[in-house]
Amino acid sequence: MDGFQRHFDSQVIIYGKQVIINLINQKGSEKPLEQTFATMVSSLGSGMMRYIAFDFHKECKNMRWDRLSILLDQVAEMQDELRD
């Protein structure tokens, strides 16, 4: 956890407020990884970061690239929050 904390602390110093986007599967073999990552990001307790878990394979399967608009809308909303 210490390295994780240091990494994101340095990212905030360099880039300021950020949105962390996780594109891995939220079920199957990748589910535990996504849950652990979400828990770790939450434990940072930083108001400088927002977290989005977007199951890319589920949302965009069968070449449904238009579904990326869901992610883009979430990012835009969070960008507005972080500007305040």
PDB file of N, CA and C in Angstrom:
ATOM      1  N   MET A   1       0.825  -1.204   0.000  1.00  0.00           N
ATOM      2  CA  MET A   1       0.000   0.000   0.000  1.00  0.00           C
ATOM      3  C   MET A   1       0.864   1.261   0.000  1.00  0.00           C
ATOM      4  N   ASP A   2       2.019   1.189   0.645  1.00  0.00           N
ATOM      5  CA  ASP A   2       2.880   2.367   0.743  1.00  0.00           C
ATOM      6  C   ASP A   2       3.309   2.858  -0.640  1.00  0.00           C
ATOM      7  N   GLY A   3       3.704   1.934  -1.504  1.00  0.00           N
ATOM      8  CA  GLY A   3       4.103   2.302  -2.860  1.00  0.00           C
ATOM      9  C   GLY A   3       2.938   2.872  -3.656  1.00  0.00           C
ATOM     10  N   PHE A   4       1.770   2.301  -3.460  1.00  0.00           N
ATOM     11  CA  PHE A   4       0.552   2.777  -4.122  1.00  0.00           C
ATOM     12  C   PHE A   4       0.270   4.224  -3.710  1.00  0.00           C
ATOM     13  N   GLN A   5       0.341   4.473  -2.415  1.00  0.00           N
ATOM     14  CA  GLN A   5       0.113   5.822  -1.882  1.00  0.00           C
ATOM     15  C   GLN A   5       1.139   6.805  -2.437  1.00  0.00           C
ATOM     16  N   ARG A   6       2.397   6.420  -2.426  1.00  0.00           N
ATOM     17  CA  ARG A   6       3.456   7.304  -2.934  1.00  0.00           C
ATOM     18  C   ARG A   6       3.250   7.617  -4.411  1.00  0.00           C
ATOM     19  N   HIS A   7       2.863   6.586  -5.175  1.00  0.00           N
ATOM     20  CA  HIS A   7       2.642   6.791  -6.612  1.00  0.00           C
ATOM     21  C   HIS A   7       1.571   7.856  -6.849  1.00  0.00           C
ATOM     22  N   PHE A   8       0.428   7.696  -6.207  1.00  0.00           N
ATOM     23  CA  PHE A   8      -0.657   8.642  -6.451  1.00  0.00           C
ATOM     24  C   PHE A   8      -0.382  10.004  -5.828  1.00  0.00           C
ATOM     25  N   ASP A   9       0.334  10.043  -4.714  1.00  0.00           N
ATOM     26  CA  ASP A   9       0.746  11.340  -4.161  1.00  0.00           C
ATOM     27  C   ASP A   9       1.605  12.093  -5.168  1.00  0.00           C
ATOM     28  N   SER A  10       2.530  11.378  -5.796  1.00  0.00           N
ATOM     29  CA  SER A  10       3.403  12.036  -6.781  1.00  0.00           C
ATOM     30  C   SER A  10       2.610  12.470  -8.011  1.00  0.00           C
ATOM     31  N   GLN A  11       1.608  11.688  -8.406  1.00  0.00           N
ATOM     32  CA  GLN A  11       0.774  12.066  -9.543  1.00  0.00           C
ATOM     33  C   GLN A  11       0.014  13.361  -9.265  1.00  0.00           C
ATOM     34  N   VAL A  12      -0.483  13.500  -8.044  1.00  0.00           N
ATOM     35  CA  VAL A  12      -1.211  14.713  -7.672  1.00  0.00           C
ATOM     36  C   VAL A  12      -0.263  15.909  -7.655  1.00  0.00           C
ATOM     37  N   ILE A  13       0.946  15.716  -7.157  1.00  0.00           N
ATOM     38  CA  ILE A  13       1.927  16.808  -7.139  1.00  0.00           C
ATOM     39  C   ILE A  13       2.236  17.260  -8.565  1.00  0.00           C
ATOM     40  N   ILE A  14       2.416  16.304  -9.461  1.00  0.00           N
ATOM     41  CA  ILE A  14       2.787  16.617 -10.847  1.00  0.00           C
ATOM     42  C   ILE A  14       1.600  17.160 -11.645  1.00  0.00           C
ATOM     43  N   TYR A  15       0.446  16.478 -11.568  1.00  0.00           N
ATOM     44  CA  TYR A  15      -0.671  16.778 -12.468  1.00  0.00           C
ATOM     45  C   TYR A  15      -1.873  17.450 -11.808  1.00  0.00           C
ATOM     46  N   GLY A  16      -1.924  17.474 -10.500  1.00  0.00           N
ATOM     47  CA  GLY A  16      -3.085  18.042  -9.821  1.00  0.00           C
ATOM     48  C   GLY A  16      -4.247  17.054  -9.773  1.00  0.00           C
ATOM     49  N   LYS A  17      -5.450  17.572  -9.785  1.00  0.00           N
ATOM     50  CA  LYS A  17      -6.655  16.742  -9.690  1.00  0.00           C
ATOM     51  C   LYS A  17      -6.754  15.808 -10.891  1.00  0.00           C
ATOM     52  N   GLN A  18      -7.254  14.584 -10.630  1.00  0.00           N
ATOM     53  CA  GLN A  18      -7.277  13.564 -11.676  1.00  0.00           C
ATOM     54  C   GLN A  18      -8.504  12.674 -11.585  1.00  0.00           C
ATOM     55  N   VAL A  19      -8.805  12.044 -12.711  1.00  0.00           N
ATOM     56  CA  VAL A  19      -9.806  10.989 -12.779  1.00  0.00           C
ATOM     57  C   VAL A  19      -9.068   9.702 -13.116  1.00  0.00           C
ATOM     58  N   ILE A  20      -9.234   8.691 -12.270  1.00  0.00           N
ATOM     59  CA  ILE A  20      -8.625   7.383 -12.494  1.00  0.00           C
ATOM     60  C   ILE A  20      -9.672   6.518 -13.182  1.00  0.00           C
ATOM     61  N   ILE A  21      -9.330   5.980 -14.345  1.00  0.00           N
ATOM     62  CA  ILE A  21     -10.264   5.159 -15.115  1.00  0.00           C
ATOM     63  C   ILE A  21      -9.734   3.739 -15.188  1.00  0.00           C
ATOM     64  N   ASN A  22     -10.559   2.792 -14.748  1.00  0.00           N
ATOM     65  CA  ASN A  22     -10.214   1.383 -14.770  1.00  0.00           C
ATOM     66  C   ASN A  22     -11.094   0.716 -15.830  1.00  0.00           C
ATOM     67  N   LEU A  23     -10.472   0.104 -16.834  1.00  0.00           N
ATOM     68  CA  LEU A  23     -11.215  -0.471 -17.961  1.00  0.00           C
ATOM     69  C   LEU A  23     -11.327  -1.995 -17.923  1.00  0.00           C
ATOM     70  N   ILE A  24     -10.855  -2.637 -16.857  1.00  0.00           N
ATOM     71  CA  ILE A  24     -10.863  -4.100 -16.842  1.00  0.00           C
ATOM     72  C   ILE A  24     -12.262  -4.650 -16.568  1.00  0.00           C
ATOM     73  N   ASN A  25     -12.413  -5.956 -16.835  1.00  0.00           N
ATOM     74  CA  ASN A  25     -13.687  -6.630 -16.602  1.00  0.00           C
ATOM     75  C   ASN A  25     -14.071  -6.528 -15.132  1.00  0.00           C
ATOM     76  N   GLN A  26     -15.345  -6.336 -14.882  1.00  0.00           N
ATOM     77  CA  GLN A  26     -15.835  -6.257 -13.511  1.00  0.00           C
ATOM     78  C   GLN A  26     -16.477  -7.563 -13.065  1.00  0.00           C
ATOM     79  N   LYS A  27     -16.239  -8.611 -13.832  1.00  0.00           N
ATOM     80  CA  LYS A  27     -16.687  -9.944 -13.431  1.00  0.00           C
ATOM     81  C   LYS A  27     -15.660 -10.947 -13.930  1.00  0.00           C
ATOM     82  N   GLY A  28     -15.862 -12.194 -13.606  1.00  0.00           N
ATOM     83  CA  GLY A  28     -14.919 -13.225 -14.031  1.00  0.00           C
ATOM     84  C   GLY A  28     -13.592 -13.114 -13.299  1.00  0.00           C
ATOM     85  N   SER A  29     -12.545 -13.526 -13.970  1.00  0.00           N
ATOM     86  CA  SER A  29     -11.231 -13.603 -13.325  1.00  0.00           C
ATOM     87  C   SER A  29     -10.655 -12.237 -12.960  1.00  0.00           C
ATOM     88  N   GLU A  30     -11.113 -11.165 -13.604  1.00  0.00           N
ATOM     89  CA  GLU A  30     -10.587  -9.831 -13.310  1.00  0.00           C
ATOM     90  C   GLU A  30     -11.348  -9.114 -12.192  1.00  0.00           C
ATOM     91  N   LYS A  31     -12.482  -9.678 -11.772  1.00  0.00           N
ATOM     92  CA  LYS A  31     -13.291  -9.022 -10.742  1.00  0.00           C
ATOM     93  C   LYS A  31     -12.518  -8.766  -9.448  1.00  0.00           C
ATOM     94  N   PRO A  32     -11.783  -9.753  -8.913  1.00  0.00           N
ATOM     95  CA  PRO A  32     -11.033  -9.476  -7.675  1.00  0.00           C
ATOM     96  C   PRO A  32     -10.004  -8.356  -7.838  1.00  0.00           C
ATOM     97  N   LEU A  33      -9.382  -8.282  -8.995  1.00  0.00           N
ATOM     98  CA  LEU A  33      -8.416  -7.217  -9.256  1.00  0.00           C
ATOM     99  C   LEU A  33      -9.108  -5.855  -9.247  1.00  0.00           C
ATOM    100  N   GLU A  34     -10.241  -5.760  -9.906  1.00  0.00           N
ATOM    101  CA  GLU A  34     -10.989  -4.497  -9.949  1.00  0.00           C
ATOM    102  C   GLU A  34     -11.432  -4.096  -8.548  1.00  0.00           C
ATOM    103  N   GLN A  35     -11.939  -5.049  -7.772  1.00  0.00           N
ATOM    104  CA  GLN A  35     -12.404  -4.746  -6.421  1.00  0.00           C
ATOM    105  C   GLN A  35     -11.255  -4.292  -5.523  1.00  0.00           C
ATOM    106  N   THR A  36     -10.123  -4.963  -5.634  1.00  0.00           N
ATOM    107  CA  THR A  36      -8.958  -4.592  -4.827  1.00  0.00           C
ATOM    108  C   THR A  36      -8.467  -3.203  -5.201  1.00  0.00           C
ATOM    109  N   PHE A  37      -8.396  -2.928  -6.494  1.00  0.00           N
ATOM    110  CA  PHE A  37      -7.939  -1.611  -6.942  1.00  0.00           C
ATOM    111  C   PHE A  37      -8.890  -0.523  -6.454  1.00  0.00           C
ATOM    112  N   ALA A  38     -10.189  -0.755  -6.570  1.00  0.00           N
ATOM    113  CA  ALA A  38     -11.182   0.224  -6.110  1.00  0.00           C
ATOM    114  C   ALA A  38     -11.038   0.477  -4.610  1.00  0.00           C
ATOM    115  N   THR A  39     -10.817  -0.580  -3.846  1.00  0.00           N
ATOM    116  CA  THR A  39     -10.623  -0.446  -2.402  1.00  0.00           C
ATOM    117  C   THR A  39      -9.377   0.369  -2.092  1.00  0.00           C
ATOM    118  N   MET A  40      -8.311   0.092  -2.822  1.00  0.00           N
ATOM    119  CA  MET A  40      -7.064   0.821  -2.589  1.00  0.00           C
ATOM    120  C   MET A  40      -7.206   2.299  -2.945  1.00  0.00           C
ATOM    121  N   VAL A  41      -7.862   2.593  -4.053  1.00  0.00           N
ATOM    122  CA  VAL A  41      -8.074   3.993  -4.435  1.00  0.00           C
ATOM    123  C   VAL A  41      -8.927   4.686  -3.375  1.00  0.00           C
ATOM    124  N   SER A  42      -9.960   4.017  -2.908  1.00  0.00           N
ATOM    125  CA  SER A  42     -10.830   4.584  -1.881  1.00  0.00           C
ATOM    126  C   SER A  42     -10.058   4.861  -0.594  1.00  0.00           C
ATOM    127  N   SER A  43      -9.125   3.984  -0.266  1.00  0.00           N
ATOM    128  CA  SER A  43      -8.357   4.147   0.973  1.00  0.00           C
ATOM    129  C   SER A  43      -7.397   5.330   0.915  1.00  0.00           C
ATOM    130  N   LEU A  44      -7.138   5.845  -0.280  1.00  0.00           N
ATOM    131  CA  LEU A  44      -6.275   7.017  -0.394  1.00  0.00           C
ATOM    132  C   LEU A  44      -6.920   8.230   0.266  1.00  0.00           C
ATOM    133  N   GLY A  45      -8.244   8.267   0.240  1.00  0.00           N
ATOM    134  CA  GLY A  45      -8.969   9.354   0.875  1.00  0.00           C
ATOM    135  C   GLY A  45      -8.637  10.725   0.313  1.00  0.00           C
ATOM    136  N   SER A  46      -8.295  10.767  -0.951  1.00  0.00           N
ATOM    137  CA  SER A  46      -7.897  12.025  -1.564  1.00  0.00           C
ATOM    138  C   SER A  46      -9.073  12.682  -2.265  1.00  0.00           C
ATOM    139  N   GLY A  47      -9.298  13.937  -1.960  1.00  0.00           N
ATOM    140  CA  GLY A  47     -10.306  14.701  -2.675  1.00  0.00           C
ATOM    141  C   GLY A  47      -9.803  15.166  -4.029  1.00  0.00           C
ATOM    142  N   MET A  48      -8.559  14.825  -4.326  1.00  0.00           N
ATOM    143  CA  MET A  48      -7.931  15.242  -5.584  1.00  0.00           C
ATOM    144  C   MET A  48      -8.165  14.238  -6.704  1.00  0.00           C
ATOM    145  N   MET A  49      -8.749  13.079  -6.371  1.00  0.00           N
ATOM    146  CA  MET A  49      -8.925  12.029  -7.370  1.00  0.00           C
ATOM    147  C   MET A  49     -10.345  11.498  -7.344  1.00  0.00           C
ATOM    148  N   ARG A  50     -10.809  11.139  -8.520  1.00  0.00           N
ATOM    149  CA  ARG A  50     -12.084  10.444  -8.666  1.00  0.00           C
ATOM    150  C   ARG A  50     -11.796   9.136  -9.393  1.00  0.00           C
ATOM    151  N   TYR A  51     -12.622   8.134  -9.133  1.00  0.00           N
ATOM    152  CA  TYR A  51     -12.408   6.798  -9.691  1.00  0.00           C
ATOM    153  C   TYR A  51     -13.624   6.366 -10.498  1.00  0.00           C
ATOM    154  N   ILE A  52     -13.368   5.859 -11.700  1.00  0.00           N
ATOM    155  CA  ILE A  52     -14.417   5.296 -12.547  1.00  0.00           C
ATOM    156  C   ILE A  52     -14.006   3.881 -12.927  1.00  0.00           C
ATOM    157  N   ALA A  53     -14.887   2.923 -12.649  1.00  0.00           N
ATOM    158  CA  ALA A  53     -14.702   1.557 -13.135  1.00  0.00           C
ATOM    159  C   ALA A  53     -15.652   1.385 -14.318  1.00  0.00           C
ATOM    160  N   PHE A  54     -15.092   1.165 -15.489  1.00  0.00           N
ATOM    161  CA  PHE A  54     -15.881   1.031 -16.713  1.00  0.00           C
ATOM    162  C   PHE A  54     -15.503  -0.297 -17.350  1.00  0.00           C
ATOM    163  N   ASP A  55     -16.424  -1.242 -17.353  1.00  0.00           N
ATOM    164  CA  ASP A  55     -16.166  -2.572 -17.910  1.00  0.00           C
ATOM    165  C   ASP A  55     -16.184  -2.474 -19.439  1.00  0.00           C
ATOM    166  N   PHE A  56     -15.026  -2.178 -19.991  1.00  0.00           N
ATOM    167  CA  PHE A  56     -14.895  -1.927 -21.425  1.00  0.00           C
ATOM    168  C   PHE A  56     -15.405  -3.097 -22.263  1.00  0.00           C
ATOM    169  N   HIS A  57     -15.028  -4.311 -21.907  1.00  0.00           N
ATOM    170  CA  HIS A  57     -15.421  -5.474 -22.710  1.00  0.00           C
ATOM    171  C   HIS A  57     -16.931  -5.688 -22.699  1.00  0.00           C
ATOM    172  N   LYS A  58     -17.547  -5.470 -21.559  1.00  0.00           N
ATOM    173  CA  LYS A  58     -19.000  -5.629 -21.470  1.00  0.00           C
ATOM    174  C   LYS A  58     -19.714  -4.514 -22.240  1.00  0.00           C
ATOM    175  N   GLU A  59     -19.300  -3.285 -21.998  1.00  0.00           N
ATOM    176  CA  GLU A  59     -20.003  -2.143 -22.580  1.00  0.00           C
ATOM    177  C   GLU A  59     -19.803  -2.016 -24.091  1.00  0.00           C
ATOM    178  N   CYS A  60     -18.630  -2.385 -24.571  1.00  0.00           N
ATOM    179  CA  CYS A  60     -18.298  -2.143 -25.984  1.00  0.00           C
ATOM    180  C   CYS A  60     -18.215  -3.421 -26.816  1.00  0.00           C
ATOM    181  N   LYS A  61     -18.734  -4.528 -26.277  1.00  0.00           N
ATOM    182  CA  LYS A  61     -18.653  -5.778 -27.034  1.00  0.00           C
ATOM    183  C   LYS A  61     -19.376  -5.635 -28.367  1.00  0.00           C
ATOM    184  N   ASN A  62     -18.992  -6.467 -29.301  1.00  0.00           N
ATOM    185  CA  ASN A  62     -19.561  -6.452 -30.652  1.00  0.00           C
ATOM    186  C   ASN A  62     -19.367  -5.109 -31.355  1.00  0.00           C
ATOM    187  N   MET A  63     -18.205  -4.502 -31.100  1.00  0.00           N
ATOM    188  CA  MET A  63     -17.820  -3.256 -31.783  1.00  0.00           C
ATOM    189  C   MET A  63     -18.775  -2.094 -31.482  1.00  0.00           C
ATOM    190  N   ARG A  64     -19.364  -2.087 -30.308  1.00  0.00           N
ATOM    191  CA  ARG A  64     -20.284  -1.014 -29.908  1.00  0.00           C
ATOM    192  C   ARG A  64     -19.498   0.157 -29.328  1.00  0.00           C
ATOM    193  N   TRP A  65     -18.667   0.762 -30.142  1.00  0.00           N
ATOM    194  CA  TRP A  65     -17.811   1.864 -29.690  1.00  0.00           C
ATOM    195  C   TRP A  65     -18.631   3.067 -29.232  1.00  0.00           C
ATOM    196  N   ASP A  66     -19.863   3.177 -29.715  1.00  0.00           N
ATOM    197  CA  ASP A  66     -20.722   4.284 -29.300  1.00  0.00           C
ATOM    198  C   ASP A  66     -20.977   4.272 -27.796  1.00  0.00           C
ATOM    199  N   ARG A  67     -20.815   3.096 -27.179  1.00  0.00           N
ATOM    200  CA  ARG A  67     -21.029   2.968 -25.738  1.00  0.00           C
ATOM    201  C   ARG A  67     -19.954   3.692 -24.930  1.00  0.00           C
ATOM    202  N   LEU A  68     -18.864   4.075 -25.589  1.00  0.00           N
ATOM    203  CA  LEU A  68     -17.842   4.863 -24.900  1.00  0.00           C
ATOM    204  C   LEU A  68     -18.390   6.216 -24.454  1.00  0.00           C
ATOM    205  N   SER A  69     -19.493   6.633 -25.058  1.00  0.00           N
ATOM    206  CA  SER A  69     -20.109   7.900 -24.647  1.00  0.00           C
ATOM    207  C   SER A  69     -20.533   7.853 -23.178  1.00  0.00           C
ATOM    208  N   ILE A  70     -20.862   6.675 -22.675  1.00  0.00           N
ATOM    209  CA  ILE A  70     -21.204   6.523 -21.253  1.00  0.00           C
ATOM    210  C   ILE A  70     -20.010   6.935 -20.397  1.00  0.00           C
ATOM    211  N   LEU A  71     -18.849   6.411 -20.755  1.00  0.00           N
ATOM    212  CA  LEU A  71     -17.622   6.741 -20.030  1.00  0.00           C
ATOM    213  C   LEU A  71     -17.286   8.222 -20.181  1.00  0.00           C
ATOM    214  N   LEU A  72     -17.373   8.720 -21.388  1.00  0.00           N
ATOM    215  CA  LEU A  72     -17.040  10.125 -21.627  1.00  0.00           C
ATOM    216  C   LEU A  72     -17.950  11.061 -20.834  1.00  0.00           C
ATOM    217  N   ASP A  73     -19.221  10.715 -20.720  1.00  0.00           N
ATOM    218  CA  ASP A  73     -20.148  11.525 -19.925  1.00  0.00           C
ATOM    219  C   ASP A  73     -19.753  11.518 -18.445  1.00  0.00           C
ATOM    220  N   GLN A  74     -19.361  10.346 -17.944  1.00  0.00           N
ATOM    221  CA  GLN A  74     -18.931  10.251 -16.545  1.00  0.00           C
ATOM    222  C   GLN A  74     -17.673  11.081 -16.306  1.00  0.00           C
ATOM    223  N   VAL A  75     -16.730  10.993 -17.235  1.00  0.00           N
ATOM    224  CA  VAL A  75     -15.483  11.752 -17.105  1.00  0.00           C
ATOM    225  C   VAL A  75     -15.775  13.251 -17.141  1.00  0.00           C
ATOM    226  N   ALA A  76     -16.620  13.675 -18.058  1.00  0.00           N
ATOM    227  CA  ALA A  76     -16.952  15.101 -18.167  1.00  0.00           C
ATOM    228  C   ALA A  76     -17.585  15.613 -16.876  1.00  0.00           C
ATOM    229  N   GLU A  77     -18.476  14.823 -16.301  1.00  0.00           N
ATOM    230  CA  GLU A  77     -19.126  15.215 -15.052  1.00  0.00           C
ATOM    231  C   GLU A  77     -18.100  15.348 -13.927  1.00  0.00           C
ATOM    232  N   MET A  78     -17.185  14.402 -13.858  1.00  0.00           N
ATOM    233  CA  MET A  78     -16.165  14.450 -12.809  1.00  0.00           C
ATOM    234  C   MET A  78     -15.175  15.584 -13.034  1.00  0.00           C
ATOM    235  N   GLN A  79     -14.882  15.879 -14.278  1.00  0.00           N
ATOM    236  CA  GLN A  79     -14.002  17.020 -14.556  1.00  0.00           C
ATOM    237  C   GLN A  79     -14.625  18.304 -14.029  1.00  0.00           C
ATOM    238  N   ASP A  80     -15.928  18.440 -14.224  1.00  0.00           N
ATOM    239  CA  ASP A  80     -16.623  19.620 -13.717  1.00  0.00           C
ATOM    240  C   ASP A  80     -16.524  19.693 -12.193  1.00  0.00           C
ATOM    241  N   GLU A  81     -16.683  18.543 -11.516  1.00  0.00           N
ATOM    242  CA  GLU A  81     -16.564  18.501 -10.057  1.00  0.00           C
ATOM    243  C   GLU A  81     -15.161  18.900  -9.614  1.00  0.00           C
ATOM    244  N   LEU A  82     -14.161  18.415 -10.306  1.00  0.00           N
ATOM    245  CA  LEU A  82     -12.781  18.677  -9.914  1.00  0.00           C
ATOM    246  C   LEU A  82     -12.363  20.120 -10.180  1.00  0.00           C
ATOM    247  N   ARG A  83     -13.032  20.791 -11.085  1.00  0.00           N
ATOM    248  CA  ARG A  83     -12.712  22.197 -11.368  1.00  0.00           C
ATOM    249  C   ARG A  83     -13.147  23.110 -10.230  1.00  0.00           C
ATOM    250  N   ASP A  84     -14.201  22.690  -9.534  1.00  0.00           N
ATOM    251  CA  ASP A  84     -14.746  23.537  -8.450  1.00  0.00           C
ATOM    252  C   ASP A  84     -13.794  23.631  -7.287  1.00  0.00           C
TER     253      ASP A  84
END
